[in-house]
Amino acid sequence: MNSSKPDQTQTLLERYRRLINISRDLSSTLNLDSLLYQIVKAAADLTDSHDASILLYDENQHELYFQASTHLDARAMRGLIVPVEGSIAGSIVTTRQPTKVMSAEDDPRHYDGIGESVQYKTESLLGVPLITKDKVVGVIEALNKREGDFTDEDEQLLSALGSQAAVAIENTRLFQQSDLIAEVVHELRTPLSSISTASHLLMRPEISQEQRAKIAETIQRETTRLSDMATSFLDLARLESGRSPFKMEEVDLVSMLQEGGKIMESRIQEQGLTLLWDIEDDLPTFHGDPDKMIQVILNLLSNAIKYNRPKGKITIGASASEEEISFYVTDTGRGILPEHCESLFQKFYRVPGSDQVTEGTGLGLSITHKIVDGHGGRIEVDSEVGKGTTFTVHIPRHR
């Protein structure tokens, strides 16, 4: 009977060696999505589970939401909200203690709303809180033990991984925020410089009333630009740090596109542009966050307005296949060279020469890309110099 003890000890030592190697890898990763995937993969591996997932905790909203999973439909799960009250993960946040559940369906705390959404059955579960600096930042769960029940050793290993993971997550968030802050500060210099120069000019007694009015317009324009930049900065910071959960529901794409067109109607008319529609009949709904998707539509329409030619056209189109629903926004502007298209979704990127055409925050397409990715979708750009540019968004229908 005791002959198996050396084997068990050797196996446990091997698992701890893997944990040490994993911890080393976590400390060298500064991309949040990559980090979270490494953590869930390690959690499933260390506990010999079929799957694992991470839920991040939004203290302000008092909500938990999925941010990473080893499950095949991980993208569909991302952003789905789990109530703190009435869920096992919520009880882990509240008690700050690990929890082993051998039969999830028999546990009164089990919340099956997510399982129903992605057709996944949780049979057994081991969850530990992610705590750093006395603050709960989330929960890591190992799901469906391959053989037998979760053990005390599993709990110890997952707790040790959780301690390392919590620190790594917060460090990555801080790094991404500091990186973004540095870029924003650099971008703030131009509008602040314009406002400073204009303010000094207003103080000169020889300036005429007409000149004063033009200077005041400059100050107003640059102040608005600063406000827009601050809003965009906060939106992107929340998306990059994982603090912007996606609140999914059934979305009517046609109504949303029409709403976007109506919101931008006055700007389109002011620029002397024509809005055209190319939408298939009987488009299905899709599972998405309506507030975030309208932001995508408005960002793409704003780009089409800013970079269009005088008396140009904007076309909004939509179609669907068995797998996905798609929409596009086309302008008749100057177009973009192929070598610049790949960089369009980088923060603060502007196509060379575009500064002479318009000014903006330089964050709209980065935000758009993050939102589309959060829906498990993709965004494509097709452009021809002298003819215009088309941005096409594809979102999975079945999530």
Protein backbone atom coordinates (compact mmCIF):
# COMPACT_ATOMS: atom_id res chain seq x y z
CA MET A 1 0.00 0.00 0.00
CA ASN A 2 2.84 2.38 0.78
CA SER A 3 4.57 1.60 -2.54
CA SER A 4 2.54 4.34 -4.26
CA LYS A 5 3.69 7.05 -1.85
CA PRO A 6 7.04 7.72 -3.58
CA ASP A 7 5.18 7.98 -6.90
CA GLN A 8 2.67 10.42 -5.39
CA THR A 9 5.46 12.50 -3.87
CA GLN A 10 7.33 12.54 -7.19
CA THR A 11 4.18 13.61 -9.03
CA LEU A 12 3.52 16.42 -6.55
CA LEU A 13 7.13 17.63 -6.81
CA GLU A 14 6.82 17.64 -10.59
CA ARG A 15 3.64 19.73 -10.37
CA TYR A 16 5.39 22.27 -8.15
CA ARG A 17 8.31 22.42 -10.58
CA ARG A 18 5.81 23.23 -13.33
CA LEU A 19 4.30 25.91 -11.10
CA ILE A 20 7.73 27.52 -10.62
CA ASN A 21 8.32 27.55 -14.38
CA ILE A 22 4.86 28.97 -14.99
CA SER A 23 5.41 31.73 -12.42
CA ARG A 24 8.63 32.68 -14.19
CA ASP A 25 6.78 32.93 -17.51
CA LEU A 26 4.01 35.06 -15.99
CA SER A 27 6.47 37.65 -14.74
CA SER A 28 7.84 38.16 -18.26
CA THR A 29 4.49 38.78 -19.98
CA LEU A 30 3.16 42.34 -20.31
CA ASN A 31 0.23 41.71 -22.67
CA LEU A 32 -2.94 41.18 -20.64
CA ASP A 33 -4.71 38.82 -23.06
CA SER A 34 -1.61 36.64 -23.45
CA LEU A 35 -1.08 36.65 -19.69
CA LEU A 36 -4.64 35.57 -18.91
CA TYR A 37 -4.49 32.73 -21.43
CA GLN A 38 -1.23 31.50 -19.90
CA ILE A 39 -2.87 31.52 -16.47
CA VAL A 40 -5.98 29.53 -17.46
CA LYS A 41 -3.90 27.04 -19.45
CA ALA A 42 -1.64 26.56 -16.42
CA ALA A 43 -4.64 26.19 -14.08
CA ALA A 44 -6.14 23.40 -16.19
CA ASP A 45 -2.75 21.70 -16.50
CA LEU A 46 -1.79 21.86 -12.82
CA THR A 47 -5.13 20.55 -11.59
CA ASP A 48 -5.62 17.99 -14.39
CA SER A 49 -8.92 19.65 -15.40
CA HIS A 50 -10.70 19.76 -18.73
CA ASP A 51 -10.97 23.57 -18.64
CA ALA A 52 -10.20 26.66 -16.62
CA SER A 53 -11.36 30.26 -16.71
CA ILE A 54 -10.68 33.66 -15.19
CA LEU A 55 -13.37 36.07 -14.08
CA LEU A 56 -12.27 39.62 -13.32
CA TYR A 57 -14.02 41.61 -10.61
CA ASP A 58 -15.28 45.12 -11.27
CA GLU A 59 -15.46 46.69 -7.82
CA ASN A 60 -17.35 49.78 -9.01
CA GLN A 61 -20.08 47.80 -10.78
CA HIS A 62 -19.91 44.94 -8.23
CA GLU A 63 -19.83 42.45 -11.12
CA LEU A 64 -17.76 39.49 -12.23
CA TYR A 65 -17.16 38.92 -15.93
CA PHE A 66 -15.35 36.27 -17.93
CA GLN A 67 -12.10 37.48 -19.46
CA ALA A 68 -10.26 34.26 -20.45
CA SER A 69 -10.99 30.57 -20.81
CA THR A 70 -9.48 27.39 -22.25
CA HIS A 71 -12.95 26.45 -23.49
CA LEU A 72 -13.36 26.12 -27.26
CA ASP A 73 -15.88 28.96 -27.23
CA ALA A 74 -13.69 31.24 -25.12
CA ARG A 75 -14.42 34.31 -27.23
CA ALA A 76 -18.14 33.82 -26.79
CA MET A 77 -17.68 33.67 -23.02
CA ARG A 78 -15.51 36.76 -22.83
CA GLY A 79 -17.30 39.67 -21.21
CA LEU A 80 -20.29 37.62 -20.03
CA ILE A 81 -21.38 38.78 -16.59
CA VAL A 82 -21.78 36.54 -13.56
CA PRO A 83 -23.70 37.95 -10.57
CA VAL A 84 -21.72 38.25 -7.35
CA GLU A 85 -24.82 37.32 -5.37
CA GLY A 86 -26.05 33.90 -6.42
CA SER A 87 -22.91 32.34 -7.89
CA ILE A 88 -20.02 30.20 -6.69
CA ALA A 89 -17.51 32.68 -8.10
CA GLY A 90 -19.31 35.47 -6.26
CA SER A 91 -19.09 33.59 -2.97
CA ILE A 92 -15.33 33.20 -3.54
CA VAL A 93 -15.04 36.98 -3.96
CA THR A 94 -17.14 37.62 -0.86
CA THR A 95 -15.43 35.09 1.43
CA ARG A 96 -11.96 35.45 -0.13
CA GLN A 97 -11.59 31.71 0.34
CA PRO A 98 -11.00 28.81 -2.10
CA THR A 99 -13.97 26.59 -2.85
CA LYS A 100 -14.18 22.96 -4.01
CA VAL A 101 -17.48 21.83 -5.53
CA MET A 102 -17.81 18.16 -6.45
CA SER A 103 -21.28 18.41 -7.98
CA ALA A 104 -22.04 21.86 -9.34
CA GLU A 105 -25.66 21.18 -10.26
CA ASP A 106 -26.39 20.21 -6.64
CA ASP A 107 -24.81 23.37 -5.22
CA PRO A 108 -27.44 26.09 -4.54
CA ARG A 109 -24.87 28.78 -5.39
CA HIS A 110 -24.31 27.44 -8.91
CA TYR A 111 -25.17 29.98 -11.63
CA ASP A 112 -25.84 28.23 -14.93
CA GLY A 113 -26.63 31.27 -17.07
CA ILE A 114 -23.22 31.15 -18.72
CA GLY A 115 -23.34 27.41 -19.34
CA GLU A 116 -26.67 27.80 -21.13
CA SER A 117 -25.25 30.60 -23.31
CA VAL A 118 -22.27 28.59 -24.55
CA GLN A 119 -23.62 25.04 -24.13
CA TYR A 120 -21.12 24.06 -21.45
CA LYS A 121 -21.89 21.89 -18.45
CA THR A 122 -19.92 22.43 -15.25
CA GLU A 123 -19.81 19.21 -13.24
CA SER A 124 -17.06 19.92 -10.70
CA LEU A 125 -15.24 23.12 -9.85
CA LEU A 126 -12.26 24.38 -7.89
CA GLY A 127 -12.06 28.15 -7.52
CA VAL A 128 -9.64 30.49 -5.74
CA PRO A 129 -9.69 34.27 -5.32
CA LEU A 130 -7.12 36.46 -7.04
CA ILE A 131 -5.95 38.85 -4.32
CA THR A 132 -3.22 41.47 -4.45
CA LYS A 133 -2.58 44.31 -2.00
CA ASP A 134 -5.61 43.14 0.00
CA LYS A 135 -7.85 43.68 -3.03
CA VAL A 136 -9.79 40.98 -4.89
CA VAL A 137 -9.18 41.40 -8.61
CA GLY A 138 -10.91 38.24 -9.78
CA VAL A 139 -11.41 34.50 -9.53
CA ILE A 140 -9.67 31.61 -11.25
CA GLU A 141 -11.66 28.41 -11.71
CA ALA A 142 -10.56 24.91 -12.70
CA LEU A 143 -13.51 23.06 -14.22
CA ASN A 144 -14.36 19.37 -14.52
CA LYS A 145 -11.55 17.30 -13.00
CA ARG A 146 -10.48 14.59 -15.45
CA GLU A 147 -10.33 11.83 -12.82
CA GLY A 148 -11.83 11.74 -9.34
CA ASP A 149 -12.44 14.79 -7.16
CA PHE A 150 -10.38 17.92 -6.66
CA THR A 151 -7.85 17.35 -3.86
CA ASP A 152 -6.25 19.51 -1.19
CA GLU A 153 -3.06 19.43 -3.29
CA ASP A 154 -5.02 20.81 -6.26
CA GLU A 155 -6.29 23.62 -4.05
CA GLN A 156 -2.79 24.42 -2.78
CA LEU A 157 -1.37 24.52 -6.31
CA LEU A 158 -4.19 26.64 -7.70
CA SER A 159 -3.97 29.01 -4.71
CA ALA A 160 -0.23 29.41 -5.30
CA LEU A 161 -0.86 30.05 -8.99
CA GLY A 162 -3.62 32.52 -8.05
CA SER A 163 -1.27 34.51 -5.83
CA GLN A 164 1.27 34.82 -8.64
CA ALA A 165 -1.45 35.53 -11.21
CA ALA A 166 -3.07 38.35 -9.21
CA VAL A 167 0.24 40.23 -8.96
CA ALA A 168 1.01 39.64 -12.65
CA ILE A 169 -2.45 40.87 -13.72
CA GLU A 170 -2.17 44.09 -11.71
CA ASN A 171 1.39 44.72 -12.92
CA THR A 172 0.32 44.23 -16.54
CA ARG A 173 -2.64 46.56 -16.08
CA LEU A 174 -0.38 49.22 -14.57
CA PHE A 175 2.17 48.80 -17.36
CA GLN A 176 -0.47 49.15 -20.07
CA GLN A 177 -1.97 52.18 -18.37
CA SER A 178 1.42 53.86 -17.87
CA ASP A 179 2.32 53.11 -21.49
CA LEU A 180 -0.95 54.64 -22.66
CA ILE A 181 -0.55 57.63 -20.34
CA ALA A 182 2.89 58.36 -21.80
CA GLU A 183 1.44 58.31 -25.31
CA VAL A 184 -1.51 60.49 -24.30
CA VAL A 185 0.74 63.06 -22.62
CA HIS A 186 2.72 63.29 -25.85
CA GLU A 187 -0.47 63.80 -27.86
CA LEU A 188 -1.77 66.44 -25.41
CA ARG A 189 1.12 68.74 -26.20
CA THR A 190 -0.27 69.87 -29.56
CA PRO A 191 -3.73 71.08 -28.43
CA LEU A 192 -2.29 72.53 -25.21
CA SER A 193 0.32 74.40 -27.22
CA SER A 194 -2.39 75.77 -29.53
CA ILE A 195 -4.49 76.93 -26.57
CA SER A 196 -1.47 78.54 -24.89
CA THR A 197 -0.49 80.41 -28.06
CA ALA A 198 -4.06 81.55 -28.70
CA SER A 199 -4.43 82.76 -25.10
CA HIS A 200 -1.28 84.88 -25.37
CA LEU A 201 -2.51 86.39 -28.65
CA LEU A 202 -5.82 87.38 -27.04
CA MET A 203 -3.90 89.46 -24.49
CA ARG A 204 -2.30 91.64 -27.17
CA PRO A 205 -4.10 95.01 -27.42
CA GLU A 206 -3.62 95.42 -31.19
CA ILE A 207 -5.69 92.32 -32.01
CA SER A 208 -8.94 93.23 -33.82
CA GLN A 209 -12.36 91.93 -32.84
CA GLU A 210 -12.47 89.75 -35.95
CA GLN A 211 -9.09 88.24 -35.06
CA ARG A 212 -10.22 87.73 -31.47
CA ALA A 213 -13.26 85.81 -32.70
CA LYS A 214 -11.07 83.51 -34.81
CA ILE A 215 -8.69 82.95 -31.90
CA ALA A 216 -11.65 82.12 -29.63
CA GLU A 217 -12.78 79.55 -32.22
CA THR A 218 -9.31 77.97 -32.09
CA ILE A 219 -9.47 77.73 -28.31
CA GLN A 220 -12.97 76.23 -28.48
CA ARG A 221 -11.90 73.67 -31.11
CA GLU A 222 -8.78 72.59 -29.21
CA THR A 223 -10.70 72.40 -25.92
CA THR A 224 -13.24 70.08 -27.57
CA ARG A 225 -10.37 68.03 -28.94
CA LEU A 226 -8.89 67.69 -25.43
CA SER A 227 -12.27 66.58 -24.08
CA ASP A 228 -12.67 64.00 -26.85
CA MET A 229 -9.16 62.74 -26.24
CA ALA A 230 -9.84 62.32 -22.51
CA THR A 231 -13.01 60.34 -23.24
CA SER A 232 -11.25 58.13 -25.79
CA PHE A 233 -8.32 57.64 -23.44
CA LEU A 234 -10.61 56.40 -20.66
CA ASP A 235 -12.51 54.10 -23.06
CA LEU A 236 -9.32 52.53 -24.35
CA ALA A 237 -7.76 52.24 -20.89
CA ARG A 238 -10.83 50.34 -19.64
CA LEU A 239 -10.80 48.02 -22.64
CA GLU A 240 -7.07 47.30 -22.41
CA SER A 241 -7.14 46.70 -18.67
CA GLY A 242 -10.13 44.37 -18.86
CA ARG A 243 -12.26 46.73 -16.75
CA SER A 244 -14.94 47.22 -19.40
CA PRO A 245 -17.23 44.17 -19.31
CA PHE A 246 -19.34 43.40 -22.37
CA LYS A 247 -23.05 43.37 -21.53
CA MET A 248 -24.40 41.01 -24.16
CA GLU A 249 -27.94 40.86 -25.47
CA GLU A 250 -29.71 40.23 -28.77
CA VAL A 251 -28.97 43.17 -31.09
CA ASP A 252 -30.89 44.31 -34.17
CA LEU A 253 -28.08 45.42 -36.51
CA VAL A 254 -30.36 47.26 -38.96
CA SER A 255 -31.86 49.43 -36.21
CA MET A 256 -28.39 50.11 -34.84
CA LEU A 257 -27.00 51.16 -38.23
CA GLN A 258 -30.00 53.41 -38.80
CA GLU A 259 -29.49 54.96 -35.36
CA GLY A 260 -25.82 55.61 -36.19
CA GLY A 261 -26.77 57.23 -39.49
CA LYS A 262 -29.32 59.45 -37.74
CA ILE A 263 -26.82 60.56 -35.08
CA MET A 264 -24.27 61.52 -37.75
CA GLU A 265 -26.83 62.98 -40.18
CA SER A 266 -26.14 66.64 -39.40
CA ARG A 267 -22.36 66.21 -39.76
CA ILE A 268 -22.85 64.38 -43.07
CA GLN A 269 -25.04 67.20 -44.37
CA GLU A 270 -22.66 69.91 -43.13
CA GLN A 271 -19.87 68.34 -45.21
CA GLY A 272 -22.11 68.14 -48.29
CA LEU A 273 -21.90 64.34 -48.34
CA THR A 274 -24.49 61.81 -49.53
CA LEU A 275 -25.42 58.81 -47.37
CA LEU A 276 -26.32 55.60 -49.25
CA TRP A 277 -27.64 52.29 -47.92
CA ASP A 278 -26.97 48.71 -49.06
CA ILE A 279 -28.60 46.42 -46.48
CA GLU A 280 -29.90 42.91 -47.15
CA ASP A 281 -33.50 42.13 -46.27
CA ASP A 282 -34.40 40.08 -43.18
CA LEU A 283 -31.06 40.30 -41.44
CA PRO A 284 -30.88 38.17 -38.27
CA THR A 285 -30.02 39.55 -34.85
CA PHE A 286 -26.70 38.83 -33.17
CA HIS A 287 -25.40 38.57 -29.61
CA GLY A 288 -23.54 41.76 -28.70
CA ASP A 289 -23.12 44.76 -26.45
CA PRO A 290 -25.36 47.47 -27.98
CA ASP A 291 -23.56 50.42 -26.38
CA LYS A 292 -20.16 49.25 -27.59
CA MET A 293 -21.38 48.31 -31.07
CA ILE A 294 -22.96 51.73 -31.63
CA GLN A 295 -19.58 53.18 -30.66
CA VAL A 296 -17.99 51.09 -33.44
CA ILE A 297 -20.53 52.34 -35.98
CA LEU A 298 -20.09 55.99 -34.96
CA ASN A 299 -16.29 55.70 -35.06
CA LEU A 300 -16.37 54.28 -38.59
CA LEU A 301 -18.88 56.89 -39.77
CA SER A 302 -16.81 59.67 -38.20
CA ASN A 303 -13.76 58.45 -40.12
CA ALA A 304 -15.73 58.29 -43.36
CA ILE A 305 -16.87 61.89 -42.87
CA LYS A 306 -13.45 63.28 -41.94
CA TYR A 307 -11.51 61.61 -44.73
CA ASN A 308 -14.04 61.97 -47.55
CA ARG A 309 -13.73 64.26 -50.55
CA PRO A 310 -16.03 67.28 -51.00
CA LYS A 311 -19.52 66.20 -52.11
CA GLY A 312 -18.45 62.59 -51.64
CA LYS A 313 -20.52 59.56 -50.69
CA ILE A 314 -20.76 57.30 -47.65
CA THR A 315 -22.28 53.84 -48.01
CA ILE A 316 -23.50 51.74 -45.09
CA GLY A 317 -24.06 48.09 -45.95
CA ALA A 318 -24.89 44.87 -44.14
CA SER A 319 -25.26 41.17 -44.93
CA ALA A 320 -25.30 37.80 -43.19
CA SER A 321 -24.11 34.25 -43.73
CA GLU A 322 -24.72 31.09 -41.71
CA GLU A 323 -21.70 31.83 -39.51
CA GLU A 324 -21.57 35.61 -39.16
CA ILE A 325 -23.26 38.94 -39.64
CA SER A 326 -21.30 41.72 -41.34
CA PHE A 327 -21.55 45.43 -41.94
CA TYR A 328 -19.36 47.92 -43.73
CA VAL A 329 -18.81 51.66 -44.08
CA THR A 330 -17.34 52.96 -47.36
CA ASP A 331 -16.14 56.47 -48.17
CA THR A 332 -15.04 58.07 -51.45
CA GLY A 333 -11.98 59.77 -49.99
CA ARG A 334 -8.33 59.82 -50.97
CA GLY A 335 -7.69 56.19 -50.03
CA ILE A 336 -4.80 54.61 -48.16
CA LEU A 337 -1.67 52.90 -49.45
CA PRO A 338 -1.51 49.15 -48.61
CA GLU A 339 1.61 49.57 -46.45
CA HIS A 340 -0.28 51.92 -44.12
CA CYS A 341 -3.44 49.78 -43.73
CA GLU A 342 -1.85 47.35 -41.26
CA SER A 343 -1.01 50.18 -38.85
CA LEU A 344 -4.44 51.84 -38.82
CA PHE A 345 -5.52 50.16 -35.57
CA GLN A 346 -2.44 51.19 -33.60
CA LYS A 347 -2.93 53.85 -30.93
CA PHE A 348 -2.44 57.41 -32.22
CA TYR A 349 -1.50 56.21 -35.71
CA ARG A 350 -2.23 58.65 -38.50
CA VAL A 351 -1.65 57.98 -42.18
CA PRO A 352 1.21 60.21 -43.41
CA GLY A 353 -0.27 63.43 -44.75
CA SER A 354 -3.63 62.95 -43.02
CA ASP A 355 -2.86 65.65 -40.42
CA GLN A 356 -3.27 68.15 -43.23
CA VAL A 357 -6.78 66.85 -43.82
CA THR A 358 -8.21 66.53 -40.32
CA GLU A 359 -7.49 66.33 -36.64
CA GLY A 360 -8.72 63.77 -34.13
CA THR A 361 -7.72 61.78 -31.09
CA GLY A 362 -6.02 59.00 -33.03
CA LEU A 363 -7.72 56.43 -30.77
CA GLY A 364 -11.02 55.74 -32.55
CA LEU A 365 -9.86 52.80 -34.65
CA SER A 366 -7.90 51.29 -31.74
CA ILE A 367 -11.08 51.36 -29.64
CA THR A 368 -13.08 49.95 -32.56
CA HIS A 369 -10.64 47.06 -32.99
CA LYS A 370 -10.74 46.24 -29.26
CA ILE A 371 -14.55 46.20 -29.20
CA VAL A 372 -14.84 44.02 -32.31
CA ASP A 373 -12.24 41.61 -30.91
CA GLY A 374 -14.17 41.48 -27.64
CA HIS A 375 -17.18 40.23 -29.63
CA GLY A 376 -15.08 37.44 -31.12
CA GLY A 377 -15.18 39.23 -34.46
CA ARG A 378 -12.74 40.80 -36.87
CA ILE A 379 -12.43 44.06 -38.78
CA GLU A 380 -10.97 44.37 -42.27
CA VAL A 381 -9.87 47.40 -44.27
CA ASP A 382 -9.84 47.60 -48.05
CA SER A 383 -8.63 50.80 -49.67
CA GLU A 384 -7.72 52.09 -53.12
CA VAL A 385 -5.82 55.33 -53.52
CA GLY A 386 -7.97 57.93 -55.25
CA LYS A 387 -11.20 55.93 -54.83
CA GLY A 388 -11.84 55.46 -51.11
CA THR A 389 -11.76 53.11 -48.15
CA THR A 390 -14.05 50.39 -46.79
CA PHE A 391 -14.04 49.11 -43.22
CA THR A 392 -15.91 45.80 -42.80
CA VAL A 393 -16.85 44.31 -39.43
CA HIS A 394 -17.67 40.60 -39.07
CA ILE A 395 -19.37 39.32 -35.90
CA PRO A 396 -20.16 35.63 -35.20
CA ARG A 397 -23.89 34.92 -35.20
CA HIS A 398 -23.79 31.99 -32.81
CA ARG A 399 -22.14 32.82 -29.49
